[in-house]
């Protein structure tokens, strides 16, 4: 849920073996374009450009979006990936 998620994903790419799984669960509100959130397709596209294959996106959960990726055999040569900005998670007092 960090705002510097690009660093997390790049580190996951570094440590995973080819074919390794990257599973991401993010709060749905961070992906609501109506409230300033990121487009889930642009989010997935950035991860694909890094060198992952998209296996599945699951929007069925009430609170989270689940993304499933596997690492490709070779890293993509694209250097400047356009990472969408995710809203920070704000917790409500209950």
N, C-alpha and C. Protein backbone atom coordinates (compact mmCIF):
# COMPACT_ATOMS: atom_id res chain seq x y z
N UNK A 1 0.81 -1.19 0.00
CA UNK A 1 0.00 0.00 0.00
C UNK A 1 0.86 1.26 0.00
N UNK A 2 2.13 1.12 -0.27
CA UNK A 2 3.01 2.28 -0.29
C UNK A 2 2.86 3.08 -1.56
N UNK A 3 3.29 4.34 -1.51
CA UNK A 3 3.22 5.17 -2.71
C UNK A 3 4.43 4.95 -3.61
N UNK A 4 5.49 4.34 -3.11
CA UNK A 4 6.66 4.04 -3.92
C UNK A 4 6.65 2.57 -4.36
N UNK A 5 5.48 2.13 -4.79
CA UNK A 5 5.29 0.73 -5.16
C UNK A 5 6.21 0.28 -6.29
N UNK A 6 6.67 1.21 -7.13
CA UNK A 6 7.56 0.85 -8.22
C UNK A 6 8.82 0.17 -7.70
N UNK A 7 9.35 0.67 -6.59
CA UNK A 7 10.55 0.07 -5.98
C UNK A 7 10.28 -1.35 -5.53
N UNK A 8 9.10 -1.59 -4.98
CA UNK A 8 8.74 -2.94 -4.51
C UNK A 8 8.67 -3.91 -5.69
N UNK A 9 8.06 -3.46 -6.77
CA UNK A 9 7.88 -4.34 -7.92
C UNK A 9 9.21 -4.60 -8.62
N UNK A 10 10.05 -3.59 -8.70
CA UNK A 10 11.38 -3.78 -9.29
C UNK A 10 12.22 -4.75 -8.46
N UNK A 11 12.10 -4.67 -7.15
CA UNK A 11 12.81 -5.61 -6.28
C UNK A 11 12.26 -7.02 -6.44
N UNK A 12 10.96 -7.14 -6.57
CA UNK A 12 10.36 -8.46 -6.81
C UNK A 12 10.89 -9.04 -8.11
N UNK A 13 11.00 -8.21 -9.15
CA UNK A 13 11.54 -8.69 -10.42
C UNK A 13 12.98 -9.18 -10.23
N UNK A 14 13.76 -8.43 -9.46
CA UNK A 14 15.17 -8.78 -9.25
C UNK A 14 15.34 -10.13 -8.57
N UNK A 15 14.50 -10.43 -7.57
CA UNK A 15 14.71 -11.64 -6.77
C UNK A 15 13.97 -12.87 -7.29
N UNK A 16 12.96 -12.68 -8.14
CA UNK A 16 12.21 -13.83 -8.64
C UNK A 16 12.96 -14.56 -9.74
N UNK A 17 12.81 -15.87 -9.76
CA UNK A 17 13.32 -16.67 -10.87
C UNK A 17 12.34 -16.55 -12.04
N UNK A 18 12.81 -16.77 -13.28
CA UNK A 18 11.86 -16.80 -14.40
C UNK A 18 10.74 -17.81 -14.11
N UNK A 19 9.51 -17.38 -14.37
CA UNK A 19 8.35 -18.22 -14.07
C UNK A 19 7.82 -18.02 -12.66
N UNK A 20 8.55 -17.25 -11.83
CA UNK A 20 8.11 -16.99 -10.46
C UNK A 20 6.87 -16.11 -10.42
N UNK A 21 6.09 -16.24 -9.37
CA UNK A 21 4.81 -15.54 -9.24
C UNK A 21 4.95 -14.24 -8.47
N UNK A 22 4.26 -13.21 -8.96
CA UNK A 22 4.10 -11.94 -8.26
C UNK A 22 2.60 -11.77 -8.04
N UNK A 23 2.19 -11.73 -6.78
CA UNK A 23 0.78 -11.56 -6.43
C UNK A 23 0.63 -10.22 -5.73
N UNK A 24 -0.30 -9.41 -6.20
CA UNK A 24 -0.51 -8.08 -5.64
C UNK A 24 -1.97 -7.96 -5.22
N UNK A 25 -2.19 -7.54 -3.98
CA UNK A 25 -3.53 -7.22 -3.48
C UNK A 25 -3.52 -5.74 -3.11
N UNK A 26 -4.32 -4.97 -3.79
CA UNK A 26 -4.37 -3.52 -3.54
C UNK A 26 -5.80 -3.11 -3.21
N UNK A 27 -5.93 -2.10 -2.39
CA UNK A 27 -7.22 -1.56 -2.01
C UNK A 27 -7.91 -0.98 -3.24
N UNK A 28 -9.18 -1.31 -3.43
CA UNK A 28 -9.93 -0.86 -4.62
C UNK A 28 -9.96 0.65 -4.77
N UNK A 29 -10.02 1.37 -3.67
CA UNK A 29 -10.13 2.83 -3.75
C UNK A 29 -8.92 3.47 -4.44
N UNK A 30 -7.80 2.80 -4.43
CA UNK A 30 -6.61 3.34 -5.10
C UNK A 30 -6.71 3.23 -6.62
N UNK A 31 -7.69 2.46 -7.08
CA UNK A 31 -7.88 2.25 -8.52
C UNK A 31 -9.23 2.77 -9.00
N UNK A 32 -9.77 3.76 -8.35
CA UNK A 32 -11.04 4.33 -8.78
C UNK A 32 -10.77 5.65 -9.49
N UNK A 33 -10.78 5.66 -10.84
CA UNK A 33 -10.50 6.91 -11.58
C UNK A 33 -11.48 8.03 -11.25
N UNK A 34 -12.67 7.70 -10.77
CA UNK A 34 -13.67 8.72 -10.41
C UNK A 34 -13.25 9.55 -9.20
N UNK A 35 -12.37 9.00 -8.38
CA UNK A 35 -11.92 9.72 -7.18
C UNK A 35 -10.42 10.01 -7.23
N UNK A 36 -9.85 10.03 -8.41
CA UNK A 36 -8.43 10.35 -8.56
C UNK A 36 -7.50 9.16 -8.48
N UNK A 37 -8.05 7.96 -8.49
CA UNK A 37 -7.23 6.76 -8.44
C UNK A 37 -6.66 6.40 -9.81
N UNK A 38 -5.80 5.42 -9.83
CA UNK A 38 -5.15 4.98 -11.06
C UNK A 38 -6.05 4.02 -11.85
N UNK A 39 -5.79 3.93 -13.13
CA UNK A 39 -6.47 2.97 -13.99
C UNK A 39 -5.79 1.61 -13.82
N UNK A 40 -6.55 0.56 -13.45
CA UNK A 40 -5.92 -0.75 -13.24
C UNK A 40 -5.22 -1.28 -14.49
N UNK A 41 -5.70 -0.91 -15.67
CA UNK A 41 -5.06 -1.37 -16.91
C UNK A 41 -3.69 -0.72 -17.09
N UNK A 42 -3.57 0.55 -16.74
CA UNK A 42 -2.27 1.23 -16.83
C UNK A 42 -1.30 0.66 -15.79
N UNK A 43 -1.82 0.32 -14.63
CA UNK A 43 -1.00 -0.30 -13.59
C UNK A 43 -0.44 -1.63 -14.09
N UNK A 44 -1.31 -2.47 -14.66
CA UNK A 44 -0.87 -3.76 -15.20
C UNK A 44 0.11 -3.57 -16.35
N UNK A 45 -0.15 -2.60 -17.21
CA UNK A 45 0.72 -2.35 -18.36
C UNK A 45 2.15 -2.02 -17.92
N UNK A 46 2.28 -1.20 -16.89
CA UNK A 46 3.61 -0.85 -16.38
C UNK A 46 4.35 -2.09 -15.89
N UNK A 47 3.65 -2.98 -15.20
CA UNK A 47 4.28 -4.20 -14.70
C UNK A 47 4.66 -5.12 -15.85
N UNK A 48 3.82 -5.19 -16.87
CA UNK A 48 4.14 -5.99 -18.06
C UNK A 48 5.38 -5.44 -18.75
N UNK A 49 5.50 -4.14 -18.83
CA UNK A 49 6.66 -3.52 -19.48
C UNK A 49 7.95 -3.81 -18.73
N UNK A 50 7.87 -4.04 -17.43
CA UNK A 50 9.05 -4.38 -16.64
C UNK A 50 9.55 -5.78 -16.99
N UNK A 51 8.64 -6.69 -17.31
CA UNK A 51 9.07 -8.04 -17.66
C UNK A 51 8.24 -9.14 -17.02
N UNK A 52 6.98 -8.87 -16.81
CA UNK A 52 6.07 -9.86 -16.26
C UNK A 52 4.97 -10.18 -17.26
N UNK A 53 4.37 -11.35 -17.13
CA UNK A 53 3.18 -11.74 -17.87
C UNK A 53 1.98 -11.64 -16.94
N UNK A 54 0.89 -11.10 -17.44
CA UNK A 54 -0.33 -11.02 -16.65
C UNK A 54 -1.06 -12.35 -16.75
N UNK A 55 -1.40 -12.92 -15.61
CA UNK A 55 -2.12 -14.19 -15.57
C UNK A 55 -3.60 -13.94 -15.31
N UNK A 56 -3.89 -13.04 -14.36
CA UNK A 56 -5.28 -12.84 -13.96
C UNK A 56 -5.42 -11.53 -13.18
N UNK A 57 -6.59 -10.91 -13.31
CA UNK A 57 -7.00 -9.80 -12.47
C UNK A 57 -8.34 -10.18 -11.86
N UNK A 58 -8.46 -10.04 -10.55
CA UNK A 58 -9.67 -10.46 -9.86
C UNK A 58 -10.29 -9.25 -9.14
N UNK A 59 -11.47 -8.83 -9.61
CA UNK A 59 -12.17 -7.69 -9.03
C UNK A 59 -13.34 -8.14 -8.15
N UNK A 60 -13.43 -9.42 -7.85
CA UNK A 60 -14.60 -9.95 -7.15
C UNK A 60 -14.65 -9.61 -5.65
N UNK A 61 -13.51 -9.31 -5.05
CA UNK A 61 -13.47 -8.99 -3.63
C UNK A 61 -14.05 -7.59 -3.38
N UNK A 62 -14.73 -7.41 -2.27
CA UNK A 62 -15.36 -6.13 -1.96
C UNK A 62 -14.34 -5.01 -1.72
N UNK A 63 -13.20 -5.33 -1.12
CA UNK A 63 -12.25 -4.30 -0.71
C UNK A 63 -10.95 -4.26 -1.53
N UNK A 64 -10.59 -5.36 -2.17
CA UNK A 64 -9.29 -5.45 -2.82
C UNK A 64 -9.41 -5.87 -4.29
N UNK A 65 -8.42 -5.44 -5.07
CA UNK A 65 -8.22 -5.96 -6.42
C UNK A 65 -6.99 -6.85 -6.34
N UNK A 66 -7.09 -8.03 -6.92
CA UNK A 66 -5.98 -8.98 -6.90
C UNK A 66 -5.39 -9.09 -8.30
N UNK A 67 -4.07 -8.98 -8.39
CA UNK A 67 -3.34 -9.09 -9.65
C UNK A 67 -2.39 -10.28 -9.54
N UNK A 68 -2.33 -11.09 -10.59
CA UNK A 68 -1.45 -12.26 -10.63
C UNK A 68 -0.55 -12.12 -11.86
N UNK A 69 0.76 -12.18 -11.63
CA UNK A 69 1.74 -12.07 -12.70
C UNK A 69 2.78 -13.18 -12.56
N UNK A 70 3.44 -13.52 -13.67
CA UNK A 70 4.61 -14.38 -13.62
C UNK A 70 5.76 -13.67 -14.32
N UNK A 71 6.96 -13.95 -13.85
CA UNK A 71 8.15 -13.31 -14.42
C UNK A 71 8.50 -13.96 -15.75
N UNK A 72 8.80 -13.12 -16.76
CA UNK A 72 9.22 -13.61 -18.07
C UNK A 72 10.65 -14.13 -17.99
N UNK A 73 11.04 -14.87 -19.02
CA UNK A 73 12.41 -15.38 -19.10
C UNK A 73 13.43 -14.25 -19.23
N UNK A 74 13.09 -13.23 -20.02
CA UNK A 74 14.02 -12.12 -20.24
C UNK A 74 13.33 -10.80 -19.93
N UNK A 75 14.11 -9.88 -19.38
CA UNK A 75 13.59 -8.55 -19.05
C UNK A 75 13.36 -7.77 -20.33
N UNK A 76 12.29 -6.99 -20.34
CA UNK A 76 12.04 -6.10 -21.47
C UNK A 76 13.10 -5.02 -21.51
N UNK A 77 13.41 -4.55 -22.70
CA UNK A 77 14.48 -3.56 -22.85
C UNK A 77 14.00 -2.13 -22.64
N UNK A 78 12.71 -1.93 -22.44
CA UNK A 78 12.19 -0.58 -22.25
C UNK A 78 12.71 -0.01 -20.93
N UNK A 79 13.33 1.16 -21.01
CA UNK A 79 13.94 1.77 -19.83
C UNK A 79 12.98 2.67 -19.06
N UNK A 80 12.21 3.49 -19.77
CA UNK A 80 11.35 4.47 -19.12
C UNK A 80 9.91 3.96 -19.06
N UNK A 81 9.60 3.32 -17.97
CA UNK A 81 8.25 2.80 -17.77
C UNK A 81 7.40 3.90 -17.15
N UNK A 82 6.20 4.08 -17.69
CA UNK A 82 5.28 5.09 -17.15
C UNK A 82 4.43 4.45 -16.06
N UNK A 83 4.84 4.69 -14.81
CA UNK A 83 4.14 4.12 -13.66
C UNK A 83 3.00 5.05 -13.27
N UNK A 84 1.77 4.55 -13.21
CA UNK A 84 0.67 5.41 -12.77
C UNK A 84 0.78 5.72 -11.28
N UNK A 85 0.31 6.90 -10.92
CA UNK A 85 0.36 7.33 -9.53
C UNK A 85 -0.81 6.70 -8.77
N UNK A 86 -0.51 6.04 -7.67
CA UNK A 86 -1.56 5.47 -6.81
C UNK A 86 -1.82 6.42 -5.65
N UNK A 87 -3.09 6.56 -5.31
CA UNK A 87 -3.44 7.39 -4.15
C UNK A 87 -2.91 6.73 -2.89
N UNK A 88 -2.46 7.52 -1.93
CA UNK A 88 -2.08 6.91 -0.65
C UNK A 88 -3.30 6.36 0.06
N UNK A 89 -3.09 5.33 0.85
CA UNK A 89 -4.19 4.75 1.63
C UNK A 89 -4.40 5.59 2.89
N UNK A 90 -5.61 6.06 3.05
CA UNK A 90 -5.96 6.81 4.25
C UNK A 90 -6.91 5.98 5.08
N UNK A 91 -6.58 5.80 6.32
CA UNK A 91 -7.40 4.98 7.20
C UNK A 91 -8.39 5.84 7.95
N UNK A 92 -9.60 5.34 8.06
CA UNK A 92 -10.65 6.06 8.78
C UNK A 92 -10.67 5.59 10.23
N UNK A 93 -10.87 6.52 11.13
CA UNK A 93 -11.05 6.14 12.53
C UNK A 93 -12.42 5.55 12.68
N UNK A 94 -12.50 4.49 13.42
CA UNK A 94 -13.79 3.84 13.62
C UNK A 94 -14.11 3.77 15.09
